[in-house]
Amino acid sequence: MQFTSWVFTQRAKAPGLVASMGSIGGCFDNAVIESFWGRMQAELLNRQQWRTRIEPANAIFGCL
């Protein structure tokens, strides 16, 4: 519920926009991306020490 609100939804609907999120307080809104980042962290980012911030960024984009 902290990331969605009735006011936000109404303001998006007023000009005809459709918000790309589920219902207020829905627990499945972020499930896919949370799963993706959890896997990315476990399978790639936590497996070695990174010397700079550029190294993990390059590793992520190298996987895509």
C-alpha atoms as a PDB file:
ATOM      1  CA  MET A   1       0.000   0.000   0.000  1.00  0.00           C
ATOM      2  CA  GLN A   2       2.943   2.337   0.440  1.00  0.00           C
ATOM      3  CA  PHE A   3       3.677   2.526  -3.305  1.00  0.00           C
ATOM      4  CA  THR A   4       0.162   3.108  -4.633  1.00  0.00           C
ATOM      5  CA  SER A   5      -2.565   5.479  -3.685  1.00  0.00           C
ATOM      6  CA  TRP A   6      -6.094   6.314  -4.645  1.00  0.00           C
ATOM      7  CA  VAL A   7      -5.091   9.898  -5.499  1.00  0.00           C
ATOM      8  CA  PHE A   8      -2.319   8.747  -7.846  1.00  0.00           C
ATOM      9  CA  THR A   9      -4.667   6.345  -9.614  1.00  0.00           C
ATOM     10  CA  GLN A  10      -7.344   9.018 -10.040  1.00  0.00           C
ATOM     11  CA  ARG A  11      -4.828  11.530 -11.406  1.00  0.00           C
ATOM     12  CA  ALA A  12      -3.602   8.970 -13.920  1.00  0.00           C
ATOM     13  CA  LYS A  13      -7.141   8.110 -15.014  1.00  0.00           C
ATOM     14  CA  ALA A  14      -8.270  11.736 -15.418  1.00  0.00           C
ATOM     15  CA  PRO A  15      -6.389  12.318 -18.726  1.00  0.00           C
ATOM     16  CA  GLY A  16      -7.081   8.742 -19.869  1.00  0.00           C
ATOM     17  CA  LEU A  17      -3.892   7.032 -18.696  1.00  0.00           C
ATOM     18  CA  VAL A  18      -3.827   3.501 -17.354  1.00  0.00           C
ATOM     19  CA  ALA A  19      -1.528   2.951 -14.390  1.00  0.00           C
ATOM     20  CA  SER A  20       0.754  -0.062 -14.834  1.00  0.00           C
ATOM     21  CA  MET A  21       0.286  -1.441 -11.362  1.00  0.00           C
ATOM     22  CA  GLY A  22      -2.160  -3.725  -9.675  1.00  0.00           C
ATOM     23  CA  SER A  23      -4.667  -2.982  -7.007  1.00  0.00           C
ATOM     24  CA  ILE A  24      -3.800  -1.010  -3.902  1.00  0.00           C
ATOM     25  CA  GLY A  25      -1.990  -3.288  -1.478  1.00  0.00           C
ATOM     26  CA  GLY A  26      -1.721  -6.152  -3.978  1.00  0.00           C
ATOM     27  CA  CYS A  27       1.099  -8.493  -2.963  1.00  0.00           C
ATOM     28  CA  PHE A  28       1.901  -9.729  -6.480  1.00  0.00           C
ATOM     29  CA  ASP A  29       2.682  -6.362  -8.111  1.00  0.00           C
ATOM     30  CA  ASN A  30       6.447  -6.691  -7.775  1.00  0.00           C
ATOM     31  CA  ALA A  31       6.796 -10.469  -7.548  1.00  0.00           C
ATOM     32  CA  VAL A  32       8.401 -10.938 -10.974  1.00  0.00           C
ATOM     33  CA  ILE A  33      10.987  -8.190 -10.667  1.00  0.00           C
ATOM     34  CA  GLU A  34      11.767  -9.077  -7.041  1.00  0.00           C
ATOM     35  CA  SER A  35      12.403 -12.649  -8.142  1.00  0.00           C
ATOM     36  CA  PHE A  36      14.597 -11.457 -11.022  1.00  0.00           C
ATOM     37  CA  TRP A  37      16.779  -9.250  -8.804  1.00  0.00           C
ATOM     38  CA  GLY A  38      17.002 -11.949  -6.141  1.00  0.00           C
ATOM     39  CA  ARG A  39      18.326 -14.392  -8.733  1.00  0.00           C
ATOM     40  CA  MET A  40      20.680 -11.768 -10.189  1.00  0.00           C
ATOM     41  CA  GLN A  41      22.146 -11.124  -6.762  1.00  0.00           C
ATOM     42  CA  ALA A  42      22.506 -14.808  -5.849  1.00  0.00           C
ATOM     43  CA  GLU A  43      23.786 -16.047  -9.206  1.00  0.00           C
ATOM     44  CA  LEU A  44      25.995 -13.155 -10.283  1.00  0.00           C
ATOM     45  CA  LEU A  45      26.581 -10.288  -7.895  1.00  0.00           C
ATOM     46  CA  ASN A  46      27.348 -12.189  -4.686  1.00  0.00           C
ATOM     47  CA  ARG A  47      29.759 -14.674  -6.271  1.00  0.00           C
ATOM     48  CA  GLN A  48      32.791 -12.401  -6.336  1.00  0.00           C
ATOM     49  CA  GLN A  49      34.311  -9.192  -5.011  1.00  0.00           C
ATOM     50  CA  TRP A  50      33.916  -6.158  -7.245  1.00  0.00           C
ATOM     51  CA  ARG A  51      36.608  -3.471  -7.279  1.00  0.00           C
ATOM     52  CA  THR A  52      34.532  -0.744  -8.930  1.00  0.00           C
ATOM     53  CA  ARG A  53      30.842  -0.045  -9.503  1.00  0.00           C
ATOM     54  CA  ILE A  54      31.376  -0.398 -13.246  1.00  0.00           C
ATOM     55  CA  GLU A  55      32.395  -4.064 -13.002  1.00  0.00           C
ATOM     56  CA  PRO A  56      29.039  -5.420 -11.760  1.00  0.00           C
ATOM     57  CA  ALA A  57      27.187  -3.119 -14.176  1.00  0.00           C
ATOM     58  CA  ASN A  58      29.190  -4.570 -17.063  1.00  0.00           C
ATOM     59  CA  ALA A  59      28.590  -8.091 -15.782  1.00  0.00           C
ATOM     60  CA  ILE A  60      24.827  -7.500 -15.629  1.00  0.00           C
ATOM     61  CA  PHE A  61      24.659  -6.063 -19.129  1.00  0.00           C
ATOM     62  CA  GLY A  62      26.930  -8.828 -20.396  1.00  0.00           C
ATOM     63  CA  CYS A  63      24.304 -11.380 -19.292  1.00  0.00           C
ATOM     64  CA  LEU A  64      21.481  -9.715 -21.206  1.00  0.00           C
END
